[in-house]
Protein backbone atom coordinates (compact mmCIF):
# COMPACT_ATOMS: atom_id res chain seq x y z
CA UNK A 1 12.17 -45.94 -16.38
CA UNK A 2 13.74 -46.44 -12.94
CA UNK A 3 13.70 -42.67 -12.41
CA UNK A 4 9.95 -42.57 -13.08
CA UNK A 5 9.33 -45.31 -10.51
CA UNK A 6 11.40 -43.45 -7.93
CA UNK A 7 9.56 -40.20 -8.71
CA UNK A 8 6.17 -41.90 -8.36
CA UNK A 9 7.15 -43.45 -5.04
CA UNK A 10 8.27 -40.05 -3.77
CA UNK A 11 4.94 -38.48 -4.78
CA UNK A 12 3.05 -41.26 -2.98
CA UNK A 13 5.19 -40.89 0.12
CA UNK A 14 4.65 -37.13 0.21
CA UNK A 15 1.05 -36.59 -0.89
CA UNK A 16 -0.27 -40.02 0.09
CA UNK A 17 0.16 -39.25 3.76
CA UNK A 18 -2.31 -37.17 5.68
CA UNK A 19 0.43 -34.85 6.92
CA UNK A 20 1.81 -34.31 3.42
CA UNK A 21 -1.64 -33.62 1.97
CA UNK A 22 -2.30 -30.98 4.62
CA UNK A 23 1.14 -29.37 4.35
CA UNK A 24 1.38 -29.22 0.55
CA UNK A 25 -2.19 -28.86 -0.69
CA UNK A 26 -4.60 -27.82 2.04
CA UNK A 27 -2.44 -25.35 3.97
CA UNK A 28 -1.27 -23.34 0.91
CA UNK A 29 -4.90 -23.07 -0.25
CA UNK A 30 -5.98 -21.74 3.14
CA UNK A 31 -3.10 -19.28 3.19
CA UNK A 32 -3.86 -17.98 -0.30
CA UNK A 33 -7.54 -17.58 0.63
CA UNK A 34 -6.64 -15.62 3.74
CA UNK A 35 -4.08 -13.45 1.94
CA UNK A 36 -6.52 -12.58 -0.84
CA UNK A 37 -9.24 -11.78 1.72
CA UNK A 38 -6.92 -9.51 3.73
CA UNK A 39 -4.82 -7.82 1.06
CA UNK A 40 -6.55 -8.40 -2.27
CA UNK A 41 -10.11 -7.35 -1.51
CA UNK A 42 -9.31 -3.62 -1.81
CA UNK A 43 -9.29 -3.78 -5.59
CA UNK A 44 -12.98 -4.80 -5.72
CA UNK A 45 -14.30 -2.44 -3.04
CA UNK A 46 -16.00 0.88 -3.88
CA UNK A 47 -15.34 3.98 -1.81
CA UNK A 48 -18.52 5.34 -0.21
CA UNK A 49 -19.07 9.10 -0.57
CA UNK A 50 -21.83 10.78 1.41
CA UNK A 51 -23.23 14.05 0.11
CA UNK A 52 -26.00 16.59 0.61
CA UNK A 53 -27.34 18.71 -2.22
CA UNK A 54 -29.01 21.86 -0.88
CA UNK A 55 -29.07 23.57 -4.28
CA UNK A 56 -32.52 24.18 -5.74
CA UNK A 57 -31.17 24.64 -9.27
CA UNK A 58 -29.70 22.43 -11.95
CA UNK A 59 -26.00 22.80 -11.07
CA UNK A 60 -25.96 20.67 -7.89
CA UNK A 61 -27.87 17.72 -9.32
CA UNK A 62 -25.88 17.85 -12.58
CA UNK A 63 -22.61 17.78 -10.66
CA UNK A 64 -23.57 14.67 -8.68
CA UNK A 65 -24.87 13.01 -11.84
CA UNK A 66 -21.49 13.51 -13.51
CA UNK A 67 -19.55 12.23 -10.52
CA UNK A 68 -21.80 9.16 -10.27
CA UNK A 69 -20.62 8.07 -13.72
CA UNK A 70 -17.46 6.77 -12.04
CA UNK A 71 -17.79 3.09 -11.09
CA UNK A 72 -15.11 3.32 -8.38
CA UNK A 73 -17.35 5.28 -6.00
CA UNK A 74 -20.72 4.75 -4.36
CA UNK A 75 -22.61 7.98 -3.56
CA UNK A 76 -24.93 8.09 -0.56
CA UNK A 77 -27.31 11.06 -0.20
CA UNK A 78 -28.13 12.42 3.27
CA UNK A 79 -30.39 15.17 4.58
CA UNK A 80 -28.00 17.78 5.93
CA UNK A 81 -24.37 18.71 6.49
CA UNK A 82 -24.37 17.32 10.04
CA UNK A 83 -25.14 13.82 8.74
CA UNK A 84 -22.30 14.10 6.22
CA UNK A 85 -19.82 14.96 8.99
CA UNK A 86 -21.20 12.19 11.19
CA UNK A 87 -20.80 9.54 8.47
CA UNK A 88 -17.22 10.61 7.75
CA UNK A 89 -16.26 10.64 11.44
CA UNK A 90 -17.78 7.20 11.98
CA UNK A 91 -16.04 6.03 8.79
CA UNK A 92 -19.27 5.17 7.04
CA UNK A 93 -17.97 7.21 4.14
CA UNK A 94 -14.47 7.93 2.90
CA UNK A 95 -15.32 11.58 2.28
CA UNK A 96 -18.27 13.98 2.21
CA UNK A 97 -19.51 16.60 -0.24
CA UNK A 98 -21.74 19.54 0.72
CA UNK A 99 -23.32 21.54 -2.11
CA UNK A 100 -24.56 24.89 -0.70
CA UNK A 101 -28.00 26.33 -1.19
CA UNK A 102 -28.57 28.62 -4.19
CA UNK A 103 -25.42 27.30 -5.81
CA UNK A 104 -26.89 27.65 -9.32
CA UNK A 105 -27.88 31.28 -8.72
CA UNK A 106 -24.42 32.14 -7.40
CA UNK A 107 -22.86 30.69 -10.54
CA UNK A 108 -25.17 32.61 -12.88
CA UNK A 109 -24.55 35.85 -10.97
CA UNK A 110 -20.79 35.36 -11.04
CA UNK A 111 -20.51 35.38 -7.26
CA UNK A 112 -17.89 33.39 -5.41
CA UNK A 113 -19.14 30.20 -3.81
CA UNK A 114 -17.58 26.88 -2.99
CA UNK A 115 -18.50 23.25 -2.49
CA UNK A 116 -17.35 21.88 0.88
CA UNK A 117 -15.16 18.79 1.12
CA UNK A 118 -15.12 16.84 4.35
CA UNK A 119 -12.32 14.30 4.87
CA UNK A 120 -11.07 12.49 7.94
CA UNK A 121 -7.88 11.37 6.21
CA UNK A 122 -6.48 11.88 2.74
CA UNK A 123 -6.32 8.76 0.58
CA UNK A 124 -5.64 7.94 -3.04
CA UNK A 125 -9.33 7.44 -3.84
CA UNK A 126 -10.39 10.72 -2.19
CA UNK A 127 -7.66 12.65 -4.01
CA UNK A 128 -8.75 11.23 -7.37
CA UNK A 129 -12.41 12.02 -6.67
CA UNK A 130 -11.58 15.55 -5.56
CA UNK A 131 -9.61 16.15 -8.76
CA UNK A 132 -12.51 14.84 -10.85
CA UNK A 133 -15.01 16.99 -8.94
CA UNK A 134 -12.83 20.04 -9.39
CA UNK A 135 -12.93 19.46 -13.11
CA UNK A 136 -16.74 19.32 -12.99
CA UNK A 137 -16.85 22.55 -10.95
CA UNK A 138 -14.60 24.32 -13.44
CA UNK A 139 -16.89 23.17 -16.23
CA UNK A 140 -19.93 24.55 -14.39
CA UNK A 141 -18.23 27.91 -13.87
CA UNK A 142 -17.27 28.13 -17.55
CA UNK A 143 -20.81 27.22 -18.64
CA UNK A 144 -22.32 29.82 -16.30
CA UNK A 145 -19.86 32.40 -17.62
CA UNK A 146 -20.92 31.60 -21.19
CA UNK A 147 -24.60 32.07 -20.28
CA UNK A 148 -23.84 35.43 -18.62
CA UNK A 149 -21.87 36.58 -21.66
CA UNK A 150 -24.73 35.63 -23.98
CA UNK A 151 -27.25 37.45 -21.77
CA UNK A 152 -25.16 40.63 -21.66
CA UNK A 153 -24.69 40.56 -25.44
CA UNK A 154 -28.43 40.15 -26.04
CA UNK A 155 -30.32 43.36 -26.88
CA UNK A 156 -33.36 42.35 -24.84
CA UNK A 157 -33.42 42.06 -21.08
CA UNK A 158 -33.04 38.49 -19.94
CA UNK A 159 -34.51 37.63 -16.56
CA UNK A 160 -33.19 35.05 -14.11
CA UNK A 161 -35.66 32.40 -15.26
CA UNK A 162 -34.45 32.58 -18.86
CA UNK A 163 -30.84 32.39 -17.68
CA UNK A 164 -31.56 29.22 -15.72
CA UNK A 165 -33.36 27.70 -18.70
CA UNK A 166 -30.44 28.40 -21.02
CA UNK A 167 -28.02 27.14 -18.38
CA UNK A 168 -30.03 23.92 -18.05
CA UNK A 169 -30.11 23.48 -21.86
CA UNK A 170 -26.36 24.00 -22.05
CA UNK A 171 -25.69 21.46 -19.27
CA UNK A 172 -28.08 19.00 -20.90
CA UNK A 173 -26.15 19.27 -24.15
CA UNK A 174 -22.83 18.86 -22.35
CA UNK A 175 -24.23 15.83 -20.54
CA UNK A 176 -24.71 14.03 -23.85
CA UNK A 177 -20.90 13.58 -23.94
CA UNK A 178 -20.53 13.71 -27.69
CA UNK A 179 -16.78 13.61 -27.13
CA UNK A 180 -15.71 11.26 -24.37
CA UNK A 181 -12.62 9.38 -23.35
CA UNK A 182 -12.08 5.69 -22.90
CA UNK A 183 -10.75 4.49 -19.56
CA UNK A 184 -7.76 2.25 -20.10
CA UNK A 185 -5.90 0.10 -17.63
CA UNK A 186 -2.40 1.36 -18.26
CA UNK A 187 -0.94 -0.92 -15.57
CA UNK A 188 1.49 1.73 -14.35
CA UNK A 189 1.62 0.23 -10.86
CA UNK A 190 1.28 -3.28 -9.41
CA UNK A 191 -2.09 -4.40 -8.10
CA UNK A 192 -2.77 -3.22 -4.54
CA UNK A 193 -1.86 -5.88 -2.00
CA UNK A 194 -0.08 -8.05 -4.58
CA UNK A 195 3.19 -7.82 -2.65
CA UNK A 196 1.64 -9.35 0.48
CA UNK A 197 -0.39 -11.96 -1.40
CA UNK A 198 2.72 -13.15 -3.25
CA UNK A 199 4.85 -12.99 -0.11
CA UNK A 200 2.59 -15.17 2.02
CA UNK A 201 2.06 -17.58 -0.88
CA UNK A 202 5.74 -18.25 -1.49
CA UNK A 203 6.44 -18.44 2.23
CA UNK A 204 4.12 -21.41 2.63
CA UNK A 205 5.30 -22.86 -0.66
CA UNK A 206 8.66 -23.21 1.07
CA UNK A 207 7.04 -25.92 3.16
CA UNK A 208 8.40 -28.15 0.39
CA UNK A 209 11.81 -27.42 1.90
CA UNK A 210 10.89 -28.78 5.33
CA UNK A 211 9.21 -31.91 3.97
CA UNK A 212 12.03 -32.72 1.54
CA UNK A 213 14.58 -32.42 4.33
CA UNK A 214 12.46 -34.63 6.58
CA UNK A 215 12.20 -37.33 3.87
CA UNK A 216 15.94 -37.30 3.22
CA UNK A 217 16.70 -37.40 6.95
CA UNK A 218 14.35 -40.38 7.35
CA UNK A 219 15.96 -42.21 4.41
CA UNK A 220 19.40 -41.55 5.82
CA UNK A 221 18.39 -42.68 9.32
CA UNK A 222 16.84 -45.92 8.04
CA UNK A 223 19.76 -46.52 5.65
CA UNK A 224 17.28 -46.47 2.79
CA UNK A 225 19.34 -43.99 0.81
CA UNK A 226 22.50 -46.04 1.21
CA UNK A 227 20.74 -49.21 0.02
CA UNK A 228 19.35 -47.33 -2.99
CA UNK A 229 22.83 -46.36 -4.09
CA UNK A 230 24.07 -49.94 -3.74
CA UNK A 231 21.16 -51.33 -5.76
CA UNK A 232 21.57 -52.17 -9.48
CA UNK A 233 20.32 -48.70 -10.39
CA UNK A 234 22.55 -45.97 -11.72
CA UNK A 235 23.23 -43.03 -9.42
CA UNK A 236 21.96 -40.48 -11.91
CA UNK A 237 18.63 -42.37 -12.12
CA UNK A 238 18.20 -42.06 -8.35
CA UNK A 239 19.05 -38.36 -8.39
CA UNK A 240 16.83 -37.76 -11.44
CA UNK A 241 13.94 -39.69 -9.85
CA UNK A 242 14.09 -37.65 -6.64
CA UNK A 243 14.31 -34.46 -8.67
CA UNK A 244 11.35 -35.37 -10.90
CA UNK A 245 9.28 -36.37 -7.88
CA UNK A 246 9.94 -33.08 -6.10
CA UNK A 247 9.33 -31.19 -9.33
CA UNK A 248 5.96 -32.91 -9.84
CA UNK A 249 4.89 -32.10 -6.28
CA UNK A 250 5.91 -28.48 -6.76
CA UNK A 251 4.07 -28.22 -10.08
CA UNK A 252 0.90 -29.62 -8.48
CA UNK A 253 1.20 -27.13 -5.65
CA UNK A 254 1.80 -24.11 -7.92
CA UNK A 255 -1.05 -25.09 -10.25
CA UNK A 256 -3.44 -25.56 -7.34
CA UNK A 257 -2.51 -22.22 -5.75
CA UNK A 258 -2.85 -20.26 -9.02
CA UNK A 259 -6.08 -22.03 -9.95
CA UNK A 260 -7.62 -21.30 -6.56
CA UNK A 261 -6.71 -17.62 -6.59
CA UNK A 262 -7.77 -17.05 -10.21
CA UNK A 263 -10.84 -19.16 -10.86
CA UNK A 264 -12.27 -19.71 -7.37
CA UNK A 265 -11.41 -16.51 -5.49
CA UNK A 266 -11.42 -14.42 -8.71
CA UNK A 267 -8.30 -12.51 -7.67
CA UNK A 268 -6.93 -10.63 -10.67
CA UNK A 269 -3.19 -10.14 -10.21
CA UNK A 270 -2.83 -8.61 -13.67
CA UNK A 271 -0.43 -11.39 -14.73
CA UNK A 272 -0.90 -14.00 -17.49
CA UNK A 273 -1.21 -17.52 -16.11
CA UNK A 274 1.79 -18.87 -18.01
CA UNK A 275 4.15 -16.12 -16.84
CA UNK A 276 2.89 -16.36 -13.25
CA UNK A 277 3.42 -20.13 -13.33
CA UNK A 278 6.95 -19.68 -14.71
CA UNK A 279 7.93 -17.27 -11.92
CA UNK A 280 6.60 -19.45 -9.11
CA UNK A 281 8.14 -22.55 -10.68
CA UNK A 282 11.53 -20.85 -10.75
CA UNK A 283 11.16 -20.08 -7.06
CA UNK A 284 10.14 -23.68 -6.43
CA UNK A 285 13.36 -24.91 -8.07
CA UNK A 286 15.37 -22.68 -5.74
CA UNK A 287 13.51 -24.17 -2.76
CA UNK A 288 14.36 -27.67 -3.99
CA UNK A 289 18.03 -26.75 -4.31
CA UNK A 290 18.00 -25.24 -0.85
CA UNK A 291 16.43 -28.41 0.51
CA UNK A 292 19.15 -30.61 -0.98
CA UNK A 293 21.88 -28.34 0.39
CA UNK A 294 20.39 -28.18 3.88
CA UNK A 295 19.91 -31.96 3.88
CA UNK A 296 23.59 -32.44 3.21
CA UNK A 297 24.53 -30.17 6.11
CA UNK A 298 22.13 -31.47 8.74
CA UNK A 299 23.09 -34.72 10.47
CA UNK A 300 20.75 -34.72 13.47
CA UNK A 301 17.04 -35.24 13.07
CA UNK A 302 16.16 -32.69 15.74
CA UNK A 303 17.79 -29.91 13.70
CA UNK A 304 15.30 -30.39 10.85
CA UNK A 305 12.58 -28.77 12.95
CA UNK A 306 14.67 -25.60 13.22
CA UNK A 307 14.44 -24.85 9.48
CA UNK A 308 11.31 -22.74 9.85
CA UNK A 309 12.87 -20.37 12.39
CA UNK A 310 16.40 -20.32 10.99
CA UNK A 311 15.85 -20.25 7.20
CA UNK A 312 12.26 -19.83 6.01
CA UNK A 313 10.99 -16.98 8.21
CA UNK A 314 14.23 -14.90 8.24
CA UNK A 315 14.68 -15.08 4.47
CA UNK A 316 11.02 -14.15 3.95
CA UNK A 317 11.46 -11.15 6.22
CA UNK A 318 14.60 -10.02 4.39
CA UNK A 319 13.05 -10.71 0.97
CA UNK A 320 10.05 -8.43 1.52
CA UNK A 321 7.25 -10.96 1.99
CA UNK A 322 5.72 -9.05 4.91
CA UNK A 323 6.59 -5.41 4.12
CA UNK A 324 8.07 -3.36 1.26
CA UNK A 325 11.84 -3.45 0.88
CA UNK A 326 11.90 0.36 0.67
CA UNK A 327 11.22 0.74 4.40
CA UNK A 328 14.17 -1.47 5.33
CA UNK A 329 17.67 -0.10 6.08
CA UNK A 330 20.04 0.12 3.14
CA UNK A 331 22.24 -2.75 4.28
CA UNK A 332 19.13 -4.97 4.60
CA UNK A 333 18.08 -4.06 1.07
CA UNK A 334 21.50 -5.15 -0.19
CA UNK A 335 21.23 -8.37 1.80
CA UNK A 336 17.85 -9.05 0.14
CA UNK A 337 19.64 -9.57 -3.18
CA UNK A 338 20.86 -12.93 -1.88
CA UNK A 339 17.43 -14.42 -1.10
CA UNK A 340 15.05 -15.76 -3.80
CA UNK A 341 11.93 -14.18 -2.30
CA UNK A 342 13.08 -10.70 -3.31
CA UNK A 343 13.54 -11.62 -6.98
CA UNK A 344 10.26 -13.56 -7.09
CA UNK A 345 8.22 -10.65 -5.74
CA UNK A 346 10.06 -8.22 -8.03
CA UNK A 347 9.26 -10.32 -11.09
CA UNK A 348 5.57 -10.61 -10.13
CA UNK A 349 5.23 -6.86 -9.49
CA UNK A 350 7.02 -5.99 -12.74
CA UNK A 351 4.59 -8.05 -14.81
CA UNK A 352 1.61 -6.70 -12.86
CA UNK A 353 2.78 -3.14 -13.59
CA UNK A 354 2.63 -3.77 -17.34
CA UNK A 355 6.04 -5.35 -17.93
CA UNK A 356 6.78 -8.11 -20.39
CA UNK A 357 8.71 -11.35 -20.13
CA UNK A 358 11.81 -9.53 -21.35
CA UNK A 359 11.58 -7.14 -18.40
CA UNK A 360 11.92 -9.97 -15.88
CA UNK A 361 14.82 -11.71 -17.59
CA UNK A 362 17.25 -10.69 -14.85
CA UNK A 363 15.10 -11.92 -11.90
CA UNK A 364 14.42 -15.23 -13.67
CA UNK A 365 18.08 -15.76 -14.53
CA UNK A 366 19.05 -15.08 -10.91
CA UNK A 367 16.44 -17.55 -9.65
CA UNK A 368 17.57 -20.27 -12.07
CA UNK A 369 21.23 -19.58 -11.21
CA UNK A 370 20.43 -19.94 -7.51
CA UNK A 371 18.62 -23.22 -8.21
CA UNK A 372 21.52 -24.65 -10.24
CA UNK A 373 24.14 -23.67 -7.66
CA UNK A 374 22.15 -25.00 -4.70
CA UNK A 375 21.29 -28.26 -6.48
CA UNK A 376 24.94 -28.75 -7.46
CA UNK A 377 26.16 -28.06 -3.93
CA UNK A 378 23.51 -30.33 -2.47
CA UNK A 379 24.47 -33.18 -4.80
CA UNK A 380 28.11 -32.89 -3.74
CA UNK A 381 27.65 -32.69 0.03
CA UNK A 382 24.75 -35.17 0.24
CA UNK A 383 26.57 -38.33 1.35
CA UNK A 384 24.10 -41.26 1.48
CA UNK A 385 26.56 -43.56 3.23
CA UNK A 386 26.45 -41.50 6.43
CA UNK A 387 23.41 -42.23 8.58
CA UNK A 388 21.51 -39.53 10.38
CA UNK A 389 21.55 -39.28 14.14
CA UNK A 390 18.56 -39.14 16.42
CA UNK A 391 17.96 -36.36 18.85
């Protein structure tokens, strides 16, 4: 019961203050909102494709109709090729398509012709669209070849008009899509921008480290901690109360951050809520252990303000919160194995790429091991009888 009272008092001291409310609840929400807006909005955007169809026959319009079936692209018709180039150069469209005049007649006559592709830079979306369009073009050429073969095998002379009619009937039948595929989300890769969203989120979640150190330094300076240990309360109840209080604050923070990103901002990370909560909670435990260890090492109040520049930011940089680990030197990648941010981001990306809870067993075990070691070290070196020193 004493532990619960201590935990409740710690929650009131932390979240009951204006500074604590801003640092633990408001600031993480703002950071998550900004990170989702900057790095997570790409998954909902549609690539704009400008095109001009100068073909008077059925082939050009049928091709654009087939491409428009894809929901990932928005097709914008223009009047001529010059407008297509202008939109691509001014980045009003990711790529441009120019269907030449008499394209249908060239296909039926078996003459070589090509559809022009205009790109300012190659991207994943443009490459996928080009591959899909190439499949449609191959289908048009095969259909035109079938019509020519039927016309040559016919005993009667078939004029151009009849060829176009049969070509249109064949394309109309193909357009019914009697046999079609189902698009599945195979989750072969993590969600775009998930690395940065997770990185910035856990960086500001480490604000719990700074506040916990500040509270312990204040208790040590005012001799509050020493008086608590001399009170008729068992030592383990004091330690358990502080731990439960910090744990409750962390759980509130993690729940608020996940709830905001999922149900308010509608950011789909491709991760079940329970697994996502487990990963961030494991990281939170490591932050608590780090706070207890740092509190035992720091004796001067002025040094508490140096945590952000000496611990939080450097470990986030090494752990890949701001950029992928693959672009870092090899020795930096090895050093990243000793910071919790690396294992947290790895676990999140593994689940987002279609992994299961069994696939992130190693990252979770490493995070929990880090938390246990840091909490144990912090409990040993945290000496409540020694007061803190002012700057």
